[in-house]
Each structure stands twice: as structure tokens, then as C-alpha cells.
Amino acid sequence: MLPVRNLQQWIEHNILLELAAAPFSKEDTALVPEAGPCVDCPKRTGHNVLLFEGLAAQHDSCSDPKCYAAKVEAHVRQTIAAKPKLIQISTAYGPTKDGSAVVPRNKYVEIRSEKPTNPKQRDWPEYKTCKFTTEAIVTEGSEKGELRRLWKSFHKRFYAKFLIMRSAAQVWPLEPVASAVGESGRCA
């Protein structure tokens, strides 16, 4: 039996493919030339408003999962070709296939774009930005094709020490961790 939350996520990622959240350009005619641009596609729910009356007004979605997946895959290839230094990441935890360049979710710290909601969060590594961050692209898992900001590998050690100290003390001791790593490990 599948939990409702998992079923809802599966439907959103496999059936209701919202074009507003697509990582690729909906106007790009060259992305997958045989498919053409999404804006003119008859398989788009927003194209046939009478057929998808309630859905089209709320969500302009793609009803062809194979075409959508091909466009996401082409977008990923195109982005990596344009920016070869991008780190390839997965949103899934656990080991990767042997020889894979993809970094699993438990091996990186993603920089959050939103502001901290409480004072303690200001010291959390995922809310800090500095010269030690790098750009990455999701190549496996949900949100495939999206660009992210990450801490570089040096900061993973900093973050690991931070988590160990935080769990031991149940406080947010950023300064002792930063001094243990050194001044270069601190982000503003």
C-alpha cells in the first residue's frame, strides 16, 4: 500500500508535469526539434482549454511524460555542455553507481535561497553564502535539471563538525567549529 503523500508526489512528477516548474525554456524550438516548443504543443493542457477546463486555468501542464522527460534530459546535456564545471548532483540519498560523477544528497550541503525564519537559523551552514560555494545541476531524482548552489568539499568537513557539535551540545556553536576549521572556513 502506497502512502497518500507518495502517491501525490508520484502523480505530480509523472502525470501533472507543470510547465511553470519545468527547468527548460518552453519556447525553445531546438531543445528537442521533433517535439517543438511547448507553447504551441497540442498536448499541453493550456492549449485545449475546453478539454481541460478546470485544470488548464489552474495548471498549464504537459500531458506527454516521455516528451517532457526528453526535454529535461536535453536541457541537462545542454547545460552541462555550456558549463562543464557544474557539479552533477542527485536529490536521492545513498550510494551512487560505480564510476558515476553524480554526488548523492548526503554528500553535499545545498545553500537555501530563502532567508532564515528564526535567529538560530542565521548560523546554519545552508543559509550562508561565500566564495566557497559552487554551482551544481540536479541530474538524478526529483527537480532534475534545476541549478543549485552548494558548499564545496572543504565546507562538507566544516558542516560535518558543525552537525556533530550541534547534536552533542543541542545548541548552535558556529564559532567553535569555525575556529576548529580555521578562518578560511568561515562564511559571512
C-alpha atoms as a PDB file:
ATOM      1  CA  MET A   1       0.000   0.000   0.000  1.00  0.00           C
ATOM      2  CA  LEU A   2       1.384   3.386  -1.008  1.00  0.00           C
ATOM      3  CA  PRO A   3       1.064   6.349   1.406  1.00  0.00           C
ATOM      4  CA  VAL A   4      -1.075   9.220   0.099  1.00  0.00           C
ATOM      5  CA  ARG A   5       1.875  11.650   0.178  1.00  0.00           C
ATOM      6  CA  ASN A   6       3.976   9.323  -2.002  1.00  0.00           C
ATOM      7  CA  LEU A   7       1.087   8.854  -4.429  1.00  0.00           C
ATOM      8  CA  GLN A   8       0.596  12.623  -4.651  1.00  0.00           C
ATOM      9  CA  GLN A   9       4.310  13.155  -5.386  1.00  0.00           C
ATOM     10  CA  TRP A  10       4.260  10.383  -7.996  1.00  0.00           C
ATOM     11  CA  ILE A  11       1.263  11.983  -9.763  1.00  0.00           C
ATOM     12  CA  GLU A  12       2.936  15.422  -9.712  1.00  0.00           C
ATOM     13  CA  HIS A  13       6.234  14.066 -11.107  1.00  0.00           C
ATOM     14  CA  ASN A  14       4.792  11.602 -13.628  1.00  0.00           C
ATOM     15  CA  ILE A  15       1.357  12.837 -14.741  1.00  0.00           C
ATOM     16  CA  LEU A  16       0.752  16.508 -13.874  1.00  0.00           C
ATOM     17  CA  LEU A  17       4.013  17.884 -15.248  1.00  0.00           C
ATOM     18  CA  GLU A  18       3.541  21.592 -14.585  1.00  0.00           C
ATOM     19  CA  LEU A  19       5.240  23.658 -17.241  1.00  0.00           C
ATOM     20  CA  ALA A  20       5.750  26.603 -14.880  1.00  0.00           C
ATOM     21  CA  ALA A  21       8.158  24.412 -12.872  1.00  0.00           C
ATOM     22  CA  ALA A  22       9.955  22.964 -15.915  1.00  0.00           C
ATOM     23  CA  PRO A  23      13.695  23.709 -15.892  1.00  0.00           C
ATOM     24  CA  PHE A  24      13.822  24.206 -19.666  1.00  0.00           C
ATOM     25  CA  SER A  25      12.540  27.029 -21.881  1.00  0.00           C
ATOM     26  CA  LYS A  26       9.016  26.372 -23.138  1.00  0.00           C
ATOM     27  CA  GLU A  27       9.727  28.480 -26.251  1.00  0.00           C
ATOM     28  CA  ASP A  28      12.912  26.619 -27.293  1.00  0.00           C
ATOM     29  CA  THR A  29      12.363  25.043 -30.717  1.00  0.00           C
ATOM     30  CA  ALA A  30      15.834  23.456 -30.850  1.00  0.00           C
ATOM     31  CA  LEU A  31      15.795  21.651 -27.480  1.00  0.00           C
ATOM     32  CA  VAL A  32      14.052  18.573 -28.916  1.00  0.00           C
ATOM     33  CA  PRO A  33      13.399  19.592 -32.551  1.00  0.00           C
ATOM     34  CA  GLU A  34      10.983  16.732 -33.326  1.00  0.00           C
ATOM     35  CA  ALA A  35       8.754  17.782 -30.397  1.00  0.00           C
ATOM     36  CA  GLY A  36       8.872  21.529 -30.998  1.00  0.00           C
ATOM     37  CA  PRO A  37       8.201  24.221 -28.396  1.00  0.00           C
ATOM     38  CA  CYS A  38       5.770  23.625 -25.535  1.00  0.00           C
ATOM     39  CA  VAL A  39       3.892  26.886 -26.132  1.00  0.00           C
ATOM     40  CA  ASP A  40       2.446  25.543 -29.416  1.00  0.00           C
ATOM     41  CA  CYS A  41       2.032  21.905 -28.315  1.00  0.00           C
ATOM     42  CA  PRO A  42      -1.493  20.407 -28.511  1.00  0.00           C
ATOM     43  CA  LYS A  43      -0.567  18.024 -25.636  1.00  0.00           C
ATOM     44  CA  ARG A  44      -0.320  20.989 -23.254  1.00  0.00           C
ATOM     45  CA  THR A  45      -3.415  21.332 -21.030  1.00  0.00           C
ATOM     46  CA  GLY A  46      -3.397  25.103 -21.558  1.00  0.00           C
ATOM     47  CA  HIS A  47      -3.612  24.576 -25.342  1.00  0.00           C
ATOM     48  CA  ASN A  48      -7.006  22.864 -25.174  1.00  0.00           C
ATOM     49  CA  VAL A  49      -8.924  24.906 -22.600  1.00  0.00           C
ATOM     50  CA  LEU A  50     -12.264  23.245 -23.362  1.00  0.00           C
ATOM     51  CA  LEU A  51     -10.964  19.723 -22.749  1.00  0.00           C
ATOM     52  CA  PHE A  52      -9.054  20.664 -19.574  1.00  0.00           C
ATOM     53  CA  GLU A  53     -11.421  23.388 -18.345  1.00  0.00           C
ATOM     54  CA  GLY A  54     -10.774  23.155 -14.591  1.00  0.00           C
ATOM     55  CA  LEU A  55      -7.147  22.020 -14.840  1.00  0.00           C
ATOM     56  CA  ALA A  56      -5.939  24.408 -17.557  1.00  0.00           C
ATOM     57  CA  ALA A  57      -6.932  27.506 -15.595  1.00  0.00           C
ATOM     58  CA  GLN A  58      -5.001  26.323 -12.526  1.00  0.00           C
ATOM     59  CA  HIS A  59      -2.063  24.437 -14.006  1.00  0.00           C
ATOM     60  CA  ASP A  60      -0.632  24.547 -17.508  1.00  0.00           C
ATOM     61  CA  SER A  61       0.751  21.007 -17.665  1.00  0.00           C
ATOM     62  CA  CYS A  62       2.343  18.661 -20.146  1.00  0.00           C
ATOM     63  CA  SER A  63       0.323  15.501 -20.798  1.00  0.00           C
ATOM     64  CA  ASP A  64       3.195  13.676 -22.560  1.00  0.00           C
ATOM     65  CA  PRO A  65       5.639  12.390 -19.902  1.00  0.00           C
ATOM     66  CA  LYS A  66       8.046  10.932 -22.489  1.00  0.00           C
ATOM     67  CA  CYS A  67       8.361  14.241 -24.332  1.00  0.00           C
ATOM     68  CA  TYR A  68       8.761  16.142 -21.042  1.00  0.00           C
ATOM     69  CA  ALA A  69      11.489  13.709 -19.882  1.00  0.00           C
ATOM     70  CA  ALA A  70      13.282  14.041 -23.237  1.00  0.00           C
ATOM     71  CA  LYS A  71      13.257  17.838 -22.911  1.00  0.00           C
ATOM     72  CA  VAL A  72      14.572  17.697 -19.335  1.00  0.00           C
ATOM     73  CA  GLU A  73      17.326  15.291 -20.429  1.00  0.00           C
ATOM     74  CA  ALA A  74      18.255  17.535 -23.388  1.00  0.00           C
ATOM     75  CA  HIS A  75      18.266  20.572 -21.084  1.00  0.00           C
ATOM     76  CA  VAL A  76      20.636  18.810 -18.656  1.00  0.00           C
ATOM     77  CA  ARG A  77      23.010  17.819 -21.502  1.00  0.00           C
ATOM     78  CA  GLN A  78      22.886  21.340 -22.959  1.00  0.00           C
ATOM     79  CA  THR A  79      23.553  22.993 -19.582  1.00  0.00           C
ATOM     80  CA  ILE A  80      26.482  20.680 -18.749  1.00  0.00           C
ATOM     81  CA  ALA A  81      27.975  21.295 -22.203  1.00  0.00           C
ATOM     82  CA  ALA A  82      27.687  25.069 -21.689  1.00  0.00           C
ATOM     83  CA  LYS A  83      29.048  24.911 -18.111  1.00  0.00           C
ATOM     84  CA  PRO A  84      31.397  21.904 -17.867  1.00  0.00           C
ATOM     85  CA  LYS A  85      32.452  22.785 -14.291  1.00  0.00           C
ATOM     86  CA  LEU A  86      28.949  22.189 -12.925  1.00  0.00           C
ATOM     87  CA  ILE A  87      28.820  19.546 -10.221  1.00  0.00           C
ATOM     88  CA  GLN A  88      26.227  16.871 -11.002  1.00  0.00           C
ATOM     89  CA  ILE A  89      24.040  16.056  -8.003  1.00  0.00           C
ATOM     90  CA  SER A  90      21.180  13.745  -7.055  1.00  0.00           C
ATOM     91  CA  THR A  91      18.253  14.510  -4.775  1.00  0.00           C
ATOM     92  CA  ALA A  92      18.330  10.877  -3.604  1.00  0.00           C
ATOM     93  CA  TYR A  93      20.306   9.707  -0.590  1.00  0.00           C
ATOM     94  CA  GLY A  94      22.627   6.722  -0.613  1.00  0.00           C
ATOM     95  CA  PRO A  95      25.387   5.279  -2.766  1.00  0.00           C
ATOM     96  CA  THR A  96      25.772   6.044  -6.456  1.00  0.00           C
ATOM     97  CA  LYS A  97      26.647   3.667  -9.264  1.00  0.00           C
ATOM     98  CA  ASP A  98      30.332   2.826  -9.588  1.00  0.00           C
ATOM     99  CA  GLY A  99      32.139   5.383 -11.733  1.00  0.00           C
ATOM    100  CA  SER A 100      29.251   7.852 -11.573  1.00  0.00           C
ATOM    101  CA  ALA A 101      30.094  11.566 -11.414  1.00  0.00           C
ATOM    102  CA  VAL A 102      26.802  12.246  -9.623  1.00  0.00           C
ATOM    103  CA  VAL A 103      27.053  13.295  -5.957  1.00  0.00           C
ATOM    104  CA  PRO A 104      24.256  11.875  -3.741  1.00  0.00           C
ATOM    105  CA  ARG A 105      22.195  14.138  -1.426  1.00  0.00           C
ATOM    106  CA  ASN A 106      24.018  13.017   1.717  1.00  0.00           C
ATOM    107  CA  LYS A 107      27.370  14.216   0.310  1.00  0.00           C
ATOM    108  CA  TYR A 108      26.640  17.922  -0.209  1.00  0.00           C
ATOM    109  CA  VAL A 109      25.103  20.916   1.557  1.00  0.00           C
ATOM    110  CA  GLU A 110      22.709  22.957  -0.550  1.00  0.00           C
ATOM    111  CA  ILE A 111      22.574  26.718   0.006  1.00  0.00           C
ATOM    112  CA  ARG A 112      18.990  27.813   0.655  1.00  0.00           C
ATOM    113  CA  SER A 113      17.638  30.766  -1.279  1.00  0.00           C
ATOM    114  CA  GLU A 114      15.116  31.821   1.373  1.00  0.00           C
ATOM    115  CA  LYS A 115      16.029  33.871   4.411  1.00  0.00           C
ATOM    116  CA  PRO A 116      16.248  32.274   7.886  1.00  0.00           C
ATOM    117  CA  THR A 117      12.942  32.347   9.759  1.00  0.00           C
ATOM    118  CA  ASN A 118      14.466  32.489  13.256  1.00  0.00           C
ATOM    119  CA  PRO A 119      17.737  33.799  14.768  1.00  0.00           C
ATOM    120  CA  LYS A 120      19.260  30.334  15.242  1.00  0.00           C
ATOM    121  CA  GLN A 121      18.964  29.583  11.537  1.00  0.00           C
ATOM    122  CA  ARG A 122      21.279  32.506  10.652  1.00  0.00           C
ATOM    123  CA  ASP A 123      24.217  30.388  11.827  1.00  0.00           C
ATOM    124  CA  TRP A 124      23.228  27.260   9.922  1.00  0.00           C
ATOM    125  CA  PRO A 125      25.599  26.479   7.023  1.00  0.00           C
ATOM    126  CA  GLU A 126      22.789  26.121   4.485  1.00  0.00           C
ATOM    127  CA  TYR A 127      21.874  29.794   4.975  1.00  0.00           C
ATOM    128  CA  LYS A 128      25.434  31.081   4.447  1.00  0.00           C
ATOM    129  CA  THR A 129      26.906  32.173   1.138  1.00  0.00           C
ATOM    130  CA  CYS A 130      30.519  32.957   0.370  1.00  0.00           C
ATOM    131  CA  LYS A 131      33.335  32.410  -2.105  1.00  0.00           C
ATOM    132  CA  PHE A 132      33.444  28.703  -1.178  1.00  0.00           C
ATOM    133  CA  THR A 133      30.120  27.905  -2.832  1.00  0.00           C
ATOM    134  CA  THR A 134      29.802  26.387  -6.282  1.00  0.00           C
ATOM    135  CA  GLU A 135      27.045  25.788  -8.814  1.00  0.00           C
ATOM    136  CA  ALA A 136      25.525  22.359  -9.445  1.00  0.00           C
ATOM    137  CA  ILE A 137      22.820  20.780 -11.575  1.00  0.00           C
ATOM    138  CA  VAL A 138      20.395  18.069 -10.493  1.00  0.00           C
ATOM    139  CA  THR A 139      20.926  15.153 -12.906  1.00  0.00           C
ATOM    140  CA  GLU A 140      19.118  12.427 -10.940  1.00  0.00           C
ATOM    141  CA  GLY A 141      15.984  12.404  -8.824  1.00  0.00           C
ATOM    142  CA  SER A 142      13.243  14.972  -8.402  1.00  0.00           C
ATOM    143  CA  GLU A 143      13.867  18.529  -9.615  1.00  0.00           C
ATOM    144  CA  LYS A 144      16.072  17.144 -12.404  1.00  0.00           C
ATOM    145  CA  GLY A 145      17.567  19.930 -14.500  1.00  0.00           C
ATOM    146  CA  GLU A 146      17.445  22.609 -11.792  1.00  0.00           C
ATOM    147  CA  LEU A 147      20.551  24.591 -10.868  1.00  0.00           C
ATOM    148  CA  ARG A 148      21.611  24.776  -7.206  1.00  0.00           C
ATOM    149  CA  ARG A 149      24.292  26.461  -5.088  1.00  0.00           C
ATOM    150  CA  LEU A 150      26.395  24.158  -2.887  1.00  0.00           C
ATOM    151  CA  TRP A 151      29.218  24.327  -0.422  1.00  0.00           C
ATOM    152  CA  LYS A 152      32.447  22.990  -1.869  1.00  0.00           C
ATOM    153  CA  SER A 153      34.039  19.839  -0.419  1.00  0.00           C
ATOM    154  CA  PHE A 154      36.116  21.815   2.115  1.00  0.00           C
ATOM    155  CA  HIS A 155      32.895  23.019   3.641  1.00  0.00           C
ATOM    156  CA  LYS A 156      31.457  19.500   3.893  1.00  0.00           C
ATOM    157  CA  ARG A 157      34.048  18.804   6.599  1.00  0.00           C
ATOM    158  CA  PHE A 158      33.106  22.088   8.281  1.00  0.00           C
ATOM    159  CA  TYR A 159      29.423  21.160   8.093  1.00  0.00           C
ATOM    160  CA  ALA A 160      30.047  17.646   9.472  1.00  0.00           C
ATOM    161  CA  LYS A 161      31.880  19.070  12.504  1.00  0.00           C
ATOM    162  CA  PHE A 162      29.074  21.586  12.919  1.00  0.00           C
ATOM    163  CA  LEU A 163      26.436  18.818  12.995  1.00  0.00           C
ATOM    164  CA  ILE A 164      28.420  16.683  15.436  1.00  0.00           C
ATOM    165  CA  MET A 165      28.910  19.593  17.830  1.00  0.00           C
ATOM    166  CA  ARG A 166      25.304  20.733  17.424  1.00  0.00           C
ATOM    167  CA  SER A 167      23.892  17.300  18.248  1.00  0.00           C
ATOM    168  CA  ALA A 168      26.228  16.848  21.216  1.00  0.00           C
ATOM    169  CA  ALA A 169      25.522  20.236  22.745  1.00  0.00           C
ATOM    170  CA  GLN A 170      21.971  20.756  21.388  1.00  0.00           C
ATOM    171  CA  VAL A 171      22.987  24.341  20.616  1.00  0.00           C
ATOM    172  CA  TRP A 172      24.298  26.101  17.521  1.00  0.00           C
ATOM    173  CA  PRO A 173      28.025  26.574  18.265  1.00  0.00           C
ATOM    174  CA  LEU A 174      29.220  28.024  14.955  1.00  0.00           C
ATOM    175  CA  GLU A 175      32.224  29.879  16.366  1.00  0.00           C
ATOM    176  CA  PRO A 176      33.989  26.853  17.952  1.00  0.00           C
ATOM    177  CA  VAL A 177      33.513  24.911  14.723  1.00  0.00           C
ATOM    178  CA  ALA A 178      34.830  27.791  12.619  1.00  0.00           C
ATOM    179  CA  SER A 179      37.899  28.133  14.836  1.00  0.00           C
ATOM    180  CA  ALA A 180      38.481  24.369  14.596  1.00  0.00           C
ATOM    181  CA  VAL A 181      38.405  24.595  10.792  1.00  0.00           C
ATOM    182  CA  GLY A 182      40.257  27.910  10.567  1.00  0.00           C
ATOM    183  CA  GLU A 183      39.399  31.420   9.464  1.00  0.00           C
ATOM    184  CA  SER A 184      39.192  30.415   5.812  1.00  0.00           C
ATOM    185  CA  GLY A 185      36.292  28.102   6.672  1.00  0.00           C
ATOM    186  CA  ARG A 186      34.022  30.903   7.841  1.00  0.00           C
ATOM    187  CA  CYS A 187      31.393  32.389   5.589  1.00  0.00           C
ATOM    188  CA  ALA A 188      29.722  35.724   6.061  1.00  0.00           C
END
